[in-house]
Amino acid sequence: MSTAVERALEERARLGLSSKAPTPDLLGLIENVAKVPVIVQQLGPTGIAGAYALRRGLPFIFVNGSMPTVRARFTLAHEYGHHVLQHGMSIDKVINISGKQPAKEVEANSFAAEFLLPLEALDAWLRDRDYPDADLNVVVELARDFWVSALVACYRLLSAHRLSSKKATEIEHAIEQGQHLQVRLPDTRLLPESLVDAKGRVRRLPAEAEYALLRALDQGLLSEEDVEAKLQVPRDELQAFQHRLAVNRADEI
């Protein structure tokens, strides 16, 4: 077992996650439990995928919110891997899960894959289904249940020796052609994920920063125009943020 995989399992345990279950609300987990602030901003399809950095000794993660949720989740887990593995600052223009890459990117990918879809959880998932023959339908169902991309699901099945290299290549080719998008599965509740709401905004600051801005607004230290500009939200949405502040304050009493 690689060091990155071991660290991913150790980190899941430290954060209170079972190694036999999916990872719910990754954004909430990293910010609220791991205490690493996350910025999500729309940069378009050509913008960087993500980054990890330290500012005045404090870590933070940046994720391009223009990506599909499954890619944004993997990017967030990848950048968190840089943090846990102490790789130092990293700016990732793209995140590839195959091909030749620097060692720290391979390690961050291994961390992210195990963090989002532990092999023990994969085995439990397969056991519940009587270990079906892995095909494109199984790959898509696995991807849906763990909220990862079909490609990541395919590679995890390969890592668990539930797919031959030949079959994995065939499925990968089908995914590249978009055939996985044609697979129809019964409706099911997805894992909760705060990243979905964050991606819907132009820029989402770390929760603590947003809370500080709202408190400043409430105390008259900043105008609505100032806070609206900093949060990159329209005026009507600002009212929803103010309501959240009131709820948080009530919880503190």
Protein backbone atom coordinates (compact mmCIF):
# COMPACT_ATOMS: atom_id res chain seq x y z
CA MET A 1 0.00 0.00 0.00
CA SER A 2 1.45 3.39 -0.98
CA THR A 3 2.10 6.12 1.56
CA ALA A 4 -0.50 8.36 -0.10
CA VAL A 5 -3.18 5.67 0.23
CA GLU A 6 -2.25 5.02 3.86
CA ARG A 7 -2.43 8.73 4.63
CA ALA A 8 -5.83 8.97 2.95
CA LEU A 9 -7.18 6.17 5.16
CA GLU A 10 -5.60 7.70 8.25
CA GLU A 11 -7.11 11.07 7.39
CA ARG A 12 -10.56 9.58 6.85
CA ALA A 13 -10.34 7.97 10.28
CA ARG A 14 -9.13 11.22 11.87
CA LEU A 15 -12.08 13.09 10.37
CA GLY A 16 -14.55 10.47 11.58
CA LEU A 17 -15.24 8.73 8.26
CA SER A 18 -15.70 5.00 7.85
CA SER A 19 -13.47 3.30 5.30
CA LYS A 20 -16.50 1.26 4.18
CA ALA A 21 -18.73 4.17 3.10
CA PRO A 22 -18.76 7.04 0.58
CA THR A 23 -17.50 10.52 1.46
CA PRO A 24 -20.44 12.92 1.96
CA ASP A 25 -20.21 16.73 1.72
CA LEU A 26 -16.51 16.97 0.92
CA LEU A 27 -16.49 20.77 1.01
CA GLY A 28 -18.19 20.87 4.42
CA LEU A 29 -15.85 18.17 5.72
CA ILE A 30 -12.66 19.95 4.66
CA GLU A 31 -13.75 23.37 5.91
CA ASN A 32 -15.71 22.53 9.04
CA VAL A 33 -13.88 19.45 10.30
CA ALA A 34 -10.38 19.63 8.79
CA LYS A 35 -10.43 23.44 9.15
CA VAL A 36 -8.88 24.20 5.75
CA PRO A 37 -10.59 27.19 4.05
CA VAL A 38 -11.78 26.68 0.46
CA ILE A 39 -12.36 29.28 -2.25
CA VAL A 40 -14.55 28.28 -5.19
CA GLN A 41 -14.60 30.62 -8.19
CA GLN A 42 -15.88 30.43 -11.73
CA LEU A 43 -12.85 30.62 -14.06
CA GLY A 44 -14.32 28.93 -17.13
CA PRO A 45 -13.16 25.72 -18.82
CA THR A 46 -9.70 27.11 -19.59
CA GLY A 47 -8.94 28.34 -16.07
CA ILE A 48 -6.73 26.43 -13.65
CA ALA A 49 -8.38 23.39 -12.07
CA GLY A 50 -7.25 24.08 -8.53
CA ALA A 51 -4.49 25.14 -6.19
CA TYR A 52 -3.15 24.67 -2.70
CA ALA A 53 -1.20 27.36 -0.92
CA LEU A 54 -0.17 28.77 2.42
CA ARG A 55 -0.75 32.42 3.28
CA ARG A 56 0.95 33.70 6.43
CA GLY A 57 1.36 30.09 7.48
CA LEU A 58 -2.34 29.27 7.05
CA PRO A 59 -3.43 26.75 4.37
CA PHE A 60 -6.18 27.30 1.84
CA ILE A 61 -7.50 25.53 -1.23
CA PHE A 62 -8.77 27.00 -4.48
CA VAL A 63 -11.15 25.14 -6.85
CA ASN A 64 -12.42 26.20 -10.27
CA GLY A 65 -16.22 26.08 -9.91
CA SER A 66 -16.76 25.91 -13.67
CA MET A 67 -16.01 22.19 -13.70
CA PRO A 68 -18.65 19.46 -13.37
CA THR A 69 -19.26 18.51 -9.73
CA VAL A 70 -17.48 15.15 -9.99
CA ARG A 71 -14.34 16.86 -11.30
CA ALA A 72 -14.58 19.66 -8.73
CA ARG A 73 -14.87 17.07 -5.94
CA PHE A 74 -11.84 15.18 -7.19
CA THR A 75 -9.91 18.45 -7.55
CA LEU A 76 -10.81 19.43 -3.99
CA ALA A 77 -9.70 16.02 -2.69
CA HIS A 78 -6.52 16.27 -4.80
CA GLU A 79 -5.62 19.69 -3.36
CA TYR A 80 -6.42 18.45 0.13
CA GLY A 81 -4.00 15.62 -0.59
CA HIS A 82 -1.28 18.19 -1.26
CA HIS A 83 -2.07 19.64 2.16
CA VAL A 84 -2.07 16.34 4.08
CA LEU A 85 1.03 15.06 2.26
CA GLN A 86 2.83 18.37 2.93
CA HIS A 87 3.70 18.98 -0.70
CA GLY A 88 3.75 22.74 -0.30
CA MET A 89 2.19 25.17 -2.74
CA SER A 90 0.74 23.62 -5.88
CA ILE A 91 -1.03 25.22 -8.86
CA ASP A 92 -2.75 22.61 -11.02
CA LYS A 93 -3.72 23.84 -14.48
CA VAL A 94 -5.34 20.47 -15.13
CA ILE A 95 -5.67 17.31 -13.07
CA ASN A 96 -5.13 14.10 -15.00
CA ILE A 97 -5.56 10.71 -13.42
CA SER A 98 -3.50 8.91 -16.03
CA GLY A 99 -0.32 9.52 -17.96
CA LYS A 100 3.16 10.56 -16.85
CA GLN A 101 3.13 13.19 -14.10
CA PRO A 102 5.38 14.59 -11.35
CA ALA A 103 5.58 12.35 -8.28
CA LYS A 104 3.63 14.70 -6.03
CA GLU A 105 0.75 14.84 -8.53
CA VAL A 106 0.62 11.03 -8.67
CA GLU A 107 0.57 10.95 -4.87
CA ALA A 108 -2.18 13.59 -4.66
CA ASN A 109 -4.25 11.58 -7.17
CA SER A 110 -3.76 8.38 -5.17
CA PHE A 111 -4.78 10.21 -2.01
CA ALA A 112 -7.90 11.68 -3.68
CA ALA A 113 -8.99 8.36 -5.16
CA GLU A 114 -8.72 6.52 -1.84
CA PHE A 115 -10.23 9.44 0.08
CA LEU A 116 -13.32 9.58 -2.16
CA LEU A 117 -13.69 5.88 -2.96
CA PRO A 118 -11.77 3.65 -0.53
CA LEU A 119 -11.15 0.16 -1.84
CA GLU A 120 -12.74 -1.26 1.31
CA ALA A 121 -15.89 0.75 0.56
CA LEU A 122 -15.76 -0.46 -3.03
CA ASP A 123 -15.60 -4.07 -1.87
CA ALA A 124 -18.61 -3.50 0.44
CA TRP A 125 -20.51 -1.91 -2.46
CA LEU A 126 -19.74 -4.86 -4.74
CA ARG A 127 -20.60 -7.38 -2.03
CA ASP A 128 -24.03 -5.79 -1.58
CA ARG A 129 -24.60 -6.45 -5.29
CA ASP A 130 -23.25 -10.03 -5.24
CA TYR A 131 -20.08 -9.00 -7.05
CA PRO A 132 -21.53 -8.26 -10.54
CA ASP A 133 -19.41 -8.55 -13.66
CA ALA A 134 -18.02 -5.06 -14.10
CA ASP A 135 -19.21 -3.36 -17.26
CA LEU A 136 -20.04 0.22 -18.25
CA ASN A 137 -23.35 0.12 -16.37
CA VAL A 138 -21.63 -0.98 -13.16
CA VAL A 139 -19.00 1.73 -13.61
CA VAL A 140 -21.65 4.42 -14.02
CA GLU A 141 -23.62 3.19 -11.00
CA LEU A 142 -20.47 3.14 -8.88
CA ALA A 143 -19.59 6.66 -10.05
CA ARG A 144 -23.08 7.88 -9.15
CA ASP A 145 -23.12 6.37 -5.67
CA PHE A 146 -19.70 7.77 -4.72
CA TRP A 147 -20.07 11.00 -6.71
CA VAL A 148 -16.87 10.52 -8.71
CA SER A 149 -16.33 10.51 -12.47
CA ALA A 150 -16.92 7.38 -14.49
CA LEU A 151 -13.21 7.33 -15.28
CA VAL A 152 -12.25 7.36 -11.60
CA ALA A 153 -14.78 4.60 -10.92
CA CYS A 154 -13.28 2.55 -13.75
CA TYR A 155 -9.75 2.95 -12.40
CA ARG A 156 -10.85 2.02 -8.89
CA LEU A 157 -12.39 -1.20 -10.16
CA LEU A 158 -9.14 -1.88 -11.98
CA SER A 159 -7.15 -1.23 -8.77
CA ALA A 160 -9.42 -3.67 -6.91
CA HIS A 161 -8.76 -6.30 -9.60
CA ARG A 162 -12.44 -6.31 -10.54
CA LEU A 163 -11.56 -5.33 -14.10
CA SER A 164 -8.94 -6.73 -16.42
CA SER A 165 -6.64 -4.23 -18.12
CA LYS A 166 -8.27 -5.10 -21.43
CA LYS A 167 -11.80 -4.55 -20.12
CA ALA A 168 -10.78 -1.34 -18.38
CA THR A 169 -9.33 -0.02 -21.65
CA GLU A 170 -12.58 -0.84 -23.45
CA ILE A 171 -14.64 0.97 -20.82
CA GLU A 172 -12.26 3.93 -20.81
CA HIS A 173 -12.66 4.19 -24.58
CA ALA A 174 -16.46 4.08 -24.20
CA ILE A 175 -16.29 6.86 -21.60
CA GLU A 176 -14.14 9.00 -23.91
CA GLN A 177 -16.85 8.60 -26.54
CA GLY A 178 -19.50 9.70 -24.07
CA GLN A 179 -21.32 6.38 -23.95
CA HIS A 180 -21.53 6.54 -20.15
CA LEU A 181 -23.84 9.54 -20.51
CA GLN A 182 -26.41 7.30 -22.20
CA VAL A 183 -26.64 4.87 -19.26
CA ARG A 184 -29.96 5.28 -17.48
CA LEU A 185 -30.13 4.40 -13.79
CA PRO A 186 -33.04 4.51 -11.32
CA ASP A 187 -33.36 7.83 -9.52
CA THR A 188 -31.58 7.81 -6.20
CA ARG A 189 -30.59 10.39 -3.65
CA LEU A 190 -27.04 11.59 -4.20
CA LEU A 191 -24.60 12.23 -1.38
CA PRO A 192 -25.04 15.70 0.13
CA GLU A 193 -22.44 18.12 -1.20
CA SER A 194 -22.08 21.82 -0.32
CA LEU A 195 -19.85 22.15 -3.38
CA VAL A 196 -22.97 22.12 -5.59
CA ASP A 197 -24.24 25.39 -4.11
CA ALA A 198 -20.76 26.88 -4.12
CA LYS A 199 -20.35 26.13 -7.82
CA GLY A 200 -23.54 28.02 -8.55
CA ARG A 201 -21.95 31.32 -7.56
CA VAL A 202 -19.37 33.49 -9.29
CA ARG A 203 -17.15 33.33 -6.24
CA ARG A 204 -17.62 31.53 -2.94
CA LEU A 205 -15.27 32.60 -0.16
CA PRO A 206 -14.40 30.37 2.80
CA ALA A 207 -17.30 30.11 5.23
CA GLU A 208 -15.48 31.99 8.01
CA ALA A 209 -14.64 34.88 5.66
CA GLU A 210 -18.25 35.14 4.50
CA TYR A 211 -19.45 35.07 8.09
CA ALA A 212 -17.03 37.88 9.01
CA LEU A 213 -18.29 40.02 6.11
CA LEU A 214 -21.90 39.48 7.12
CA ARG A 215 -21.15 40.41 10.71
CA ALA A 216 -19.43 43.58 9.49
CA LEU A 217 -22.53 44.39 7.45
CA ASP A 218 -24.79 43.70 10.41
CA GLN A 219 -22.68 45.96 12.61
CA GLY A 220 -22.68 48.78 10.05
CA LEU A 221 -18.95 48.49 9.34
CA LEU A 222 -19.53 47.69 5.66
CA SER A 223 -22.28 48.72 3.24
CA GLU A 224 -24.47 46.29 1.30
CA GLU A 225 -22.63 47.40 -1.86
CA ASP A 226 -19.26 46.51 -0.32
CA VAL A 227 -20.39 43.07 0.83
CA GLU A 228 -22.24 42.38 -2.41
CA ALA A 229 -19.05 43.09 -4.37
CA LYS A 230 -16.85 40.97 -2.11
CA LEU A 231 -19.21 38.00 -2.09
CA GLN A 232 -20.06 38.34 -5.77
CA VAL A 233 -23.77 37.78 -5.14
CA PRO A 234 -26.81 39.85 -6.22
CA ARG A 235 -28.73 41.89 -3.64
CA ASP A 236 -31.57 39.38 -3.25
CA GLU A 237 -29.13 36.58 -2.42
CA LEU A 238 -27.45 38.83 0.11
CA GLN A 239 -30.66 38.73 2.15
CA ALA A 240 -30.40 34.94 2.29
CA PHE A 241 -26.85 35.28 3.63
CA GLN A 242 -28.07 37.71 6.27
CA HIS A 243 -30.73 35.21 7.29
CA ARG A 244 -28.02 32.59 7.68
CA LEU A 245 -26.10 34.98 9.93
CA ALA A 246 -29.20 35.40 12.12
CA VAL A 247 -29.58 31.62 12.39
CA ASN A 248 -25.90 31.21 13.27
CA ARG A 249 -26.19 33.91 15.91
CA ALA A 250 -29.21 32.17 17.42
CA ASP A 251 -27.19 28.95 17.61
CA GLU A 252 -24.47 30.79 19.51
CA ILE A 253 -26.84 32.04 22.20
